[in-house]
């Protein structure tokens, strides 16, 4: 399991997540740290793709870069596509 101690997000990235993608970052952060419904995939270099479901029921994809010691920088976040959502739900069935 991925160790997450702290999440860092730049103001411009946060503005894009909350403005353009209309996502609430506190809910995303909570799900990333404590949700049981999350999956992590390595996607090139040292970047990680995190798929998760928030407590409000939103299905979200985040792209993270490790900073070391359990600290992670959020590069981007968006809603899952229907195909990603189907794959995510299927992976949770066992």
Protein backbone atom coordinates (compact mmCIF):
# COMPACT_ATOMS: atom_id res chain seq x y z
CA UNK A 1 0.00 0.00 0.00
CA UNK A 2 1.16 3.49 -0.80
CA UNK A 3 2.22 5.57 2.22
CA UNK A 4 0.67 9.05 2.16
CA UNK A 5 1.64 11.46 4.94
CA UNK A 6 1.16 14.81 3.19
CA UNK A 7 -0.35 16.12 -0.03
CA UNK A 8 1.06 19.22 -1.74
CA UNK A 9 -0.80 21.09 -4.47
CA UNK A 10 0.20 24.33 -6.19
CA UNK A 11 -2.36 27.14 -6.34
CA UNK A 12 -2.66 27.01 -10.14
CA UNK A 13 -3.29 23.25 -10.07
CA UNK A 14 -5.85 23.67 -7.27
CA UNK A 15 -7.63 26.41 -9.23
CA UNK A 16 -7.85 24.11 -12.26
CA UNK A 17 -9.13 21.16 -10.19
CA UNK A 18 -11.80 23.19 -8.42
CA UNK A 19 -12.64 25.59 -11.27
CA UNK A 20 -12.36 23.75 -14.57
CA UNK A 21 -13.06 20.23 -13.30
CA UNK A 22 -15.54 21.37 -10.60
CA UNK A 23 -14.13 19.06 -7.94
CA UNK A 24 -13.88 19.75 -4.21
CA UNK A 25 -10.26 19.19 -3.17
CA UNK A 26 -10.90 18.52 0.55
CA UNK A 27 -13.06 15.51 -0.42
CA UNK A 28 -10.40 14.28 -2.82
CA UNK A 29 -7.69 14.65 -0.19
CA UNK A 30 -9.78 12.76 2.39
CA UNK A 31 -10.43 9.89 -0.03
CA UNK A 32 -6.78 9.75 -1.08
CA UNK A 33 -5.60 9.43 2.51
CA UNK A 34 -8.31 7.29 4.10
CA UNK A 35 -10.72 5.74 1.59
CA UNK A 36 -10.93 1.99 1.12
CA UNK A 37 -12.05 2.57 -2.48
CA UNK A 38 -8.82 3.57 -4.18
CA UNK A 39 -6.29 2.06 -6.58
CA UNK A 40 -2.77 3.17 -7.51
CA UNK A 41 -0.93 2.59 -10.80
CA UNK A 42 2.55 3.59 -11.96
CA UNK A 43 2.19 5.56 -15.21
CA UNK A 44 5.58 6.57 -16.49
CA UNK A 45 8.65 7.89 -14.80
CA UNK A 46 7.84 8.09 -11.13
CA UNK A 47 4.30 9.43 -11.58
CA UNK A 48 1.40 7.57 -9.95
CA UNK A 49 -2.22 7.50 -11.13
CA UNK A 50 -4.62 7.27 -8.19
CA UNK A 51 -8.21 6.24 -8.90
CA UNK A 52 -10.62 6.76 -6.04
CA UNK A 53 -14.19 7.33 -4.94
CA UNK A 54 -14.87 10.25 -2.61
CA UNK A 55 -17.34 10.14 0.30
CA UNK A 56 -19.71 12.28 -1.82
CA UNK A 57 -19.69 9.56 -4.50
CA UNK A 58 -17.44 11.25 -7.07
CA UNK A 59 -15.10 9.02 -9.05
CA UNK A 60 -11.80 10.86 -9.46
CA UNK A 61 -8.37 10.30 -11.04
CA UNK A 62 -5.30 12.07 -9.63
CA UNK A 63 -1.77 12.16 -10.95
CA UNK A 64 0.85 12.32 -8.20
CA UNK A 65 4.62 12.67 -8.00
CA UNK A 66 6.50 11.43 -4.92
CA UNK A 67 8.46 14.03 -2.98
CA UNK A 68 9.89 11.50 -0.53
CA UNK A 69 9.04 10.40 2.99
CA UNK A 70 5.34 9.91 2.24
CA UNK A 71 4.87 13.41 0.77
CA UNK A 72 3.20 13.68 -2.65
CA UNK A 73 2.59 16.51 -5.12
CA UNK A 74 -0.71 16.58 -7.02
CA UNK A 75 -0.04 17.29 -10.70
CA UNK A 76 -3.64 17.04 -11.88
CA UNK A 77 -7.06 15.68 -10.99
CA UNK A 78 -10.23 15.06 -12.99
CA UNK A 79 -13.39 12.99 -13.02
CA UNK A 80 -13.04 9.42 -14.25
CA UNK A 81 -14.18 8.65 -17.76
CA UNK A 82 -17.00 6.08 -18.07
CA UNK A 83 -14.45 3.47 -19.20
CA UNK A 84 -12.19 4.21 -16.21
CA UNK A 85 -15.17 4.07 -13.85
CA UNK A 86 -16.21 0.66 -15.20
CA UNK A 87 -12.67 -0.67 -14.82
CA UNK A 88 -12.41 0.78 -11.28
CA UNK A 89 -15.70 -0.77 -10.20
CA UNK A 90 -14.70 -4.12 -11.71
CA UNK A 91 -11.38 -4.10 -9.85
CA UNK A 92 -13.27 -3.64 -6.57
CA UNK A 93 -15.35 -6.84 -7.03
CA UNK A 94 -12.65 -9.17 -5.92
